Amino acid sequence: MISLKSQREIGLMREAGQLVAAAHQIAAEMIKPGVKTSEIDLAIEALFASRNAVPLFKGFPGRVPFPAVTCISVNEAIVHGIPGDYALQPGDIVSVDTGCKVNGWCGDAAWSYAVGTVDAESQRLMEVGQDLLRTAIIGLGQEKRWSQVARRMMKVAKAAGFSLVEKFVGHGIGREMHEAPQVPNLMNKSLSRDDFLIQPGLVLAVEPMLNAGTADIRILRDHWTAVTADGKRSVHYEHTIAITPNGPVLLTEGVGTPLL
């Protein structure tokens, strides 16, 4: 069942959203050649601890509990990458996804960052990925149903010759990280059951994941990291977005570069 939030509750969610945005500022400053992904994770964990925020990812249940406060996914890794001893290299793409709970309310956001200068295809992949999220935000203010927004996103991806990932979707968010509805980044017959009405009070974590090649994925032996089946690169962009009577509002405003 979809839970609609009041204006007061949306205001409370902004605190968590802005802390997530601050975590991304730390990540953006740290992403340089030679920095280990574990170092980024530890810095964000320290930020959350300093603000008495509860990390949403650490300990998240799975075949093995997720061991970190961030998902850090490099190059062909799409999502759910586990921070570790990997030292960033010039030309890498690094997707950072993190979330926290503050005073009982959640925020969640992801962004893909370049390590120095990336190749032309990677740069275009990042630009189209951001355009997908921008398209979704604009569509949430103009369309009546999510399926209409998802079809806008599909057109952007198809025109660029890239593939939207179907296996992972966005989600409602509030007192819990994952609430109804599911928010697919594309729409087809099998996903049509996930369609929903766009209305004030909805708070969504919209998170398109875009692959340079095939949309197919595989999961690594760590039971978490999802990578592209063909080894080509992927990007991931996400904001927590509230639908208000005046249109969509970014509760995680400030993550990455401005979209609008």
Protein backbone atom coordinates (compact mmCIF):
# COMPACT_ATOMS: atom_id res chain seq x y z
CA MET A 1 0.00 0.00 0.00
CA ILE A 2 1.31 3.41 -0.98
CA SER A 3 1.83 5.81 1.94
CA LEU A 4 1.31 9.48 1.10
CA LYS A 5 3.31 11.92 3.22
CA SER A 6 2.07 15.21 4.64
CA GLN A 7 3.91 18.46 3.98
CA ARG A 8 5.21 18.26 7.56
CA GLU A 9 6.54 14.73 6.99
CA ILE A 10 8.16 15.74 3.72
CA GLY A 11 9.86 18.55 5.61
CA LEU A 12 11.20 16.06 8.15
CA MET A 13 12.51 13.85 5.34
CA ARG A 14 14.54 16.75 3.98
CA GLU A 15 16.95 16.51 6.94
CA ALA A 16 17.93 12.97 6.00
CA GLY A 17 18.07 13.94 2.34
CA GLN A 18 20.44 16.81 2.99
CA LEU A 19 22.71 14.61 5.09
CA VAL A 20 22.88 12.17 2.17
CA ALA A 21 23.77 15.12 -0.07
CA ALA A 22 26.56 16.06 2.38
CA ALA A 23 27.84 12.47 2.18
CA HIS A 24 28.07 12.84 -1.58
CA GLN A 25 30.02 16.06 -1.22
CA ILE A 26 32.57 14.11 0.82
CA ALA A 27 32.69 11.38 -1.82
CA ALA A 28 33.11 13.88 -4.66
CA GLU A 29 36.05 15.53 -2.89
CA MET A 30 37.72 12.19 -2.18
CA ILE A 31 37.34 10.60 -5.61
CA LYS A 32 40.87 10.85 -6.97
CA PRO A 33 43.41 8.36 -8.34
CA GLY A 34 44.89 6.19 -5.60
CA VAL A 35 42.03 6.58 -3.11
CA LYS A 36 40.60 3.26 -1.93
CA THR A 37 36.85 2.77 -2.09
CA SER A 38 36.95 1.66 1.57
CA GLU A 39 38.35 5.06 2.54
CA ILE A 40 35.34 6.79 1.00
CA ASP A 41 32.99 4.46 2.84
CA LEU A 42 34.70 5.07 6.19
CA ALA A 43 34.49 8.85 5.74
CA ILE A 44 30.75 8.68 5.04
CA GLU A 45 30.22 6.31 7.97
CA ALA A 46 31.97 8.84 10.21
CA LEU A 47 29.70 11.62 8.93
CA PHE A 48 26.56 9.64 9.68
CA ALA A 49 27.86 8.74 13.16
CA SER A 50 28.64 12.40 13.90
CA ARG A 51 25.02 13.30 13.16
CA ASN A 52 23.46 10.31 14.98
CA ALA A 53 22.09 9.08 11.67
CA VAL A 54 21.34 5.39 11.08
CA PRO A 55 23.01 4.03 7.91
CA LEU A 56 20.42 2.29 5.76
CA PHE A 57 22.73 -0.05 3.87
CA LYS A 58 25.04 -1.54 6.53
CA GLY A 59 23.66 -4.87 7.66
CA PHE A 60 20.93 -4.88 5.00
CA PRO A 61 19.76 -8.49 4.78
CA GLY A 62 20.74 -10.73 1.93
CA ARG A 63 22.51 -14.03 1.49
CA VAL A 64 25.18 -12.22 3.50
CA PRO A 65 24.39 -8.90 5.24
CA PHE A 66 25.70 -5.88 3.32
CA PRO A 67 28.95 -4.88 5.06
CA ALA A 68 29.21 -1.14 4.38
CA VAL A 69 27.30 2.15 4.61
CA THR A 70 27.78 2.82 0.89
CA CYS A 71 27.52 0.88 -2.32
CA ILE A 72 30.53 1.84 -4.46
CA SER A 73 30.40 0.40 -7.97
CA VAL A 74 33.29 0.96 -10.41
CA ASN A 75 33.13 0.83 -14.22
CA GLU A 76 31.22 -2.34 -15.23
CA ALA A 77 29.68 -2.63 -11.75
CA ILE A 78 26.10 -1.39 -11.92
CA VAL A 79 25.03 -1.32 -8.29
CA HIS A 80 25.64 -2.88 -4.84
CA GLY A 81 29.43 -2.79 -5.14
CA ILE A 82 31.18 -3.48 -1.82
CA PRO A 83 33.86 -0.94 -0.81
CA GLY A 84 37.28 -2.48 -0.33
CA ASP A 85 40.98 -2.22 -1.18
CA TYR A 86 40.48 -1.20 -4.81
CA ALA A 87 42.40 2.03 -5.48
CA LEU A 88 40.71 4.31 -7.99
CA GLN A 89 42.44 4.68 -11.36
CA PRO A 90 42.42 7.62 -13.79
CA GLY A 91 39.54 7.19 -16.24
CA ASP A 92 37.35 5.14 -13.89
CA ILE A 93 33.64 5.81 -13.38
CA VAL A 94 32.62 5.46 -9.74
CA SER A 95 28.96 5.13 -8.75
CA VAL A 96 28.32 5.96 -5.08
CA ASP A 97 24.96 5.07 -3.52
CA THR A 98 24.16 5.75 0.13
CA GLY A 99 21.26 6.43 2.46
CA CYS A 100 20.53 7.18 6.09
CA LYS A 101 17.69 7.62 8.56
CA VAL A 102 17.43 10.78 10.68
CA ASN A 103 14.78 11.07 13.39
CA GLY A 104 12.87 8.17 11.88
CA TRP A 105 12.88 9.35 8.25
CA CYS A 106 14.99 8.15 5.32
CA GLY A 107 16.95 9.68 2.47
CA ASP A 108 18.69 7.89 -0.42
CA ALA A 109 20.72 9.08 -3.41
CA ALA A 110 23.31 7.87 -5.92
CA TRP A 111 25.64 9.55 -8.39
CA SER A 112 28.31 8.47 -10.87
CA TYR A 113 31.60 10.36 -10.76
CA ALA A 114 34.55 10.47 -13.14
CA VAL A 115 38.06 9.87 -11.83
CA GLY A 116 39.93 12.52 -13.74
CA THR A 117 39.25 12.48 -17.48
CA VAL A 118 37.20 9.59 -18.88
CA ASP A 119 36.91 8.36 -22.48
CA ALA A 120 34.30 9.80 -24.83
CA GLU A 121 31.82 6.94 -24.49
CA SER A 122 31.99 7.08 -20.70
CA GLN A 123 31.46 10.82 -20.73
CA ARG A 124 28.40 10.44 -22.96
CA LEU A 125 27.09 7.60 -20.79
CA MET A 126 27.30 9.87 -17.74
CA GLU A 127 25.58 12.72 -19.56
CA VAL A 128 22.72 10.50 -20.74
CA GLY A 129 22.39 8.98 -17.26
CA GLN A 130 21.92 12.43 -15.78
CA ASP A 131 19.50 13.30 -18.56
CA LEU A 132 17.41 10.24 -17.64
CA LEU A 133 17.06 11.45 -14.05
CA ARG A 134 16.31 14.98 -15.27
CA THR A 135 13.67 13.57 -17.63
CA ALA A 136 12.06 11.69 -14.73
CA ILE A 137 11.96 14.76 -12.49
CA ILE A 138 10.38 16.89 -15.21
CA GLY A 139 7.94 14.11 -16.10
CA LEU A 140 6.81 13.78 -12.47
CA GLY A 141 5.60 17.36 -12.71
CA GLN A 142 3.80 16.89 -16.02
CA GLU A 143 2.40 13.36 -16.30
CA LYS A 144 -0.46 11.60 -14.50
CA ARG A 145 1.01 8.10 -14.23
CA TRP A 146 4.50 6.71 -13.72
CA SER A 147 4.28 4.62 -16.90
CA GLN A 148 4.22 7.85 -18.90
CA VAL A 149 7.39 9.05 -17.19
CA ALA A 150 9.12 5.70 -17.70
CA ARG A 151 8.32 5.80 -21.42
CA ARG A 152 9.96 9.23 -21.64
CA MET A 153 13.07 7.71 -20.06
CA MET A 154 13.02 4.80 -22.49
CA LYS A 155 13.05 7.22 -25.43
CA VAL A 156 16.12 9.03 -24.04
CA ALA A 157 18.04 5.78 -23.53
CA LYS A 158 17.07 4.35 -26.92
CA ALA A 159 18.02 7.53 -28.77
CA ALA A 160 21.47 7.36 -27.19
CA GLY A 161 21.95 3.68 -28.04
CA PHE A 162 22.31 2.65 -24.38
CA SER A 163 20.35 0.15 -22.26
CA LEU A 164 18.23 0.79 -19.17
CA VAL A 165 18.60 -1.89 -16.50
CA GLU A 166 15.32 -3.73 -15.85
CA LYS A 167 16.45 -6.00 -13.00
CA PHE A 168 16.67 -3.16 -10.46
CA VAL A 169 14.05 -0.49 -9.78
CA GLY A 170 13.50 2.60 -7.68
CA HIS A 171 11.11 2.64 -4.75
CA GLY A 172 8.90 4.60 -2.45
CA ILE A 173 10.69 5.87 0.64
CA GLY A 174 9.68 7.31 4.02
CA ARG A 175 10.02 5.74 7.45
CA GLU A 176 11.58 2.76 5.67
CA MET A 177 14.08 2.80 2.83
CA HIS A 178 11.97 0.51 0.64
CA GLU A 179 8.26 1.29 0.57
CA ALA A 180 5.56 0.93 -2.06
CA PRO A 181 5.45 1.61 -4.93
CA GLN A 182 8.17 -0.03 -6.97
CA VAL A 183 9.48 2.49 -9.51
CA PRO A 184 10.73 0.77 -12.70
CA ASN A 185 12.92 2.83 -15.03
CA LEU A 186 11.22 1.45 -18.12
CA MET A 187 7.77 0.15 -18.92
CA ASN A 188 6.78 -3.04 -20.71
CA LYS A 189 4.02 -5.63 -20.39
CA SER A 190 5.65 -7.43 -17.46
CA LEU A 191 6.23 -4.17 -15.58
CA SER A 192 2.80 -2.65 -16.26
CA ARG A 193 1.54 -4.04 -12.94
CA ASP A 194 3.91 -1.61 -11.20
CA ASP A 195 2.24 1.48 -12.68
CA PHE A 196 0.84 4.06 -10.25
CA LEU A 197 -0.79 7.48 -10.10
CA ILE A 198 1.45 10.51 -9.54
CA GLN A 199 -0.09 12.50 -6.69
CA PRO A 200 0.91 14.92 -3.93
CA GLY A 201 2.37 13.12 -0.93
CA LEU A 202 4.30 10.53 -2.94
CA VAL A 203 7.98 10.37 -2.05
CA LEU A 204 10.06 8.31 -4.45
CA ALA A 205 13.67 7.26 -4.83
CA VAL A 206 14.02 7.39 -8.62
CA GLU A 207 17.23 5.70 -9.77
CA PRO A 208 17.88 4.95 -13.43
CA MET A 209 20.82 2.64 -14.13
CA LEU A 210 22.19 2.81 -17.65
CA ASN A 211 24.55 0.40 -19.39
CA ALA A 212 26.75 1.20 -22.37
CA GLY A 213 26.01 -2.25 -23.84
CA THR A 214 23.54 -4.97 -22.94
CA ALA A 215 20.98 -4.54 -20.18
CA ASP A 216 21.81 -8.05 -18.96
CA ILE A 217 23.55 -8.41 -15.61
CA ARG A 218 25.32 -10.98 -13.48
CA ILE A 219 25.99 -11.10 -9.74
CA LEU A 220 29.52 -11.61 -8.45
CA ARG A 221 30.53 -14.24 -5.90
CA ASP A 222 30.29 -11.68 -3.08
CA HIS A 223 26.48 -12.13 -3.51
CA TRP A 224 25.96 -8.37 -3.92
CA THR A 225 27.88 -6.69 -6.74
CA ALA A 226 25.85 -6.56 -9.97
CA VAL A 227 27.94 -6.10 -13.13
CA THR A 228 27.13 -5.80 -16.80
CA ALA A 229 27.04 -9.17 -18.55
CA ASP A 230 29.25 -7.88 -21.38
CA GLY A 231 31.76 -6.01 -19.20
CA LYS A 232 30.84 -2.60 -20.57
CA ARG A 233 30.41 0.37 -18.26
CA SER A 234 27.35 1.44 -16.31
CA VAL A 235 26.17 4.57 -14.49
CA HIS A 236 23.64 5.11 -11.69
CA TYR A 237 21.85 8.34 -10.70
CA GLU A 238 19.27 8.71 -7.94
CA HIS A 239 17.43 11.42 -6.04
CA THR A 240 14.78 11.24 -3.33
CA ILE A 241 11.88 13.22 -4.80
CA ALA A 242 8.69 14.44 -3.10
CA ILE A 243 5.58 15.22 -5.12
CA THR A 244 3.94 18.37 -3.78
CA PRO A 245 0.96 20.47 -4.98
CA ASN A 246 3.58 22.72 -6.60
CA GLY A 247 5.38 19.89 -8.36
CA PRO A 248 8.37 17.64 -7.65
CA VAL A 249 10.89 18.71 -4.98
CA LEU A 250 14.35 17.16 -4.54
CA LEU A 251 14.85 16.22 -0.90
CA THR A 252 18.43 15.20 -1.70
CA GLU A 253 19.14 18.42 -3.61
CA GLY A 254 22.85 19.03 -4.02
CA VAL A 255 23.95 15.50 -4.88
CA GLY A 256 26.25 15.76 -7.89
CA THR A 257 25.77 18.58 -10.36
CA PRO A 258 22.55 20.60 -10.77
CA LEU A 259 19.98 18.86 -12.98
CA LEU A 260 17.51 21.62 -13.79
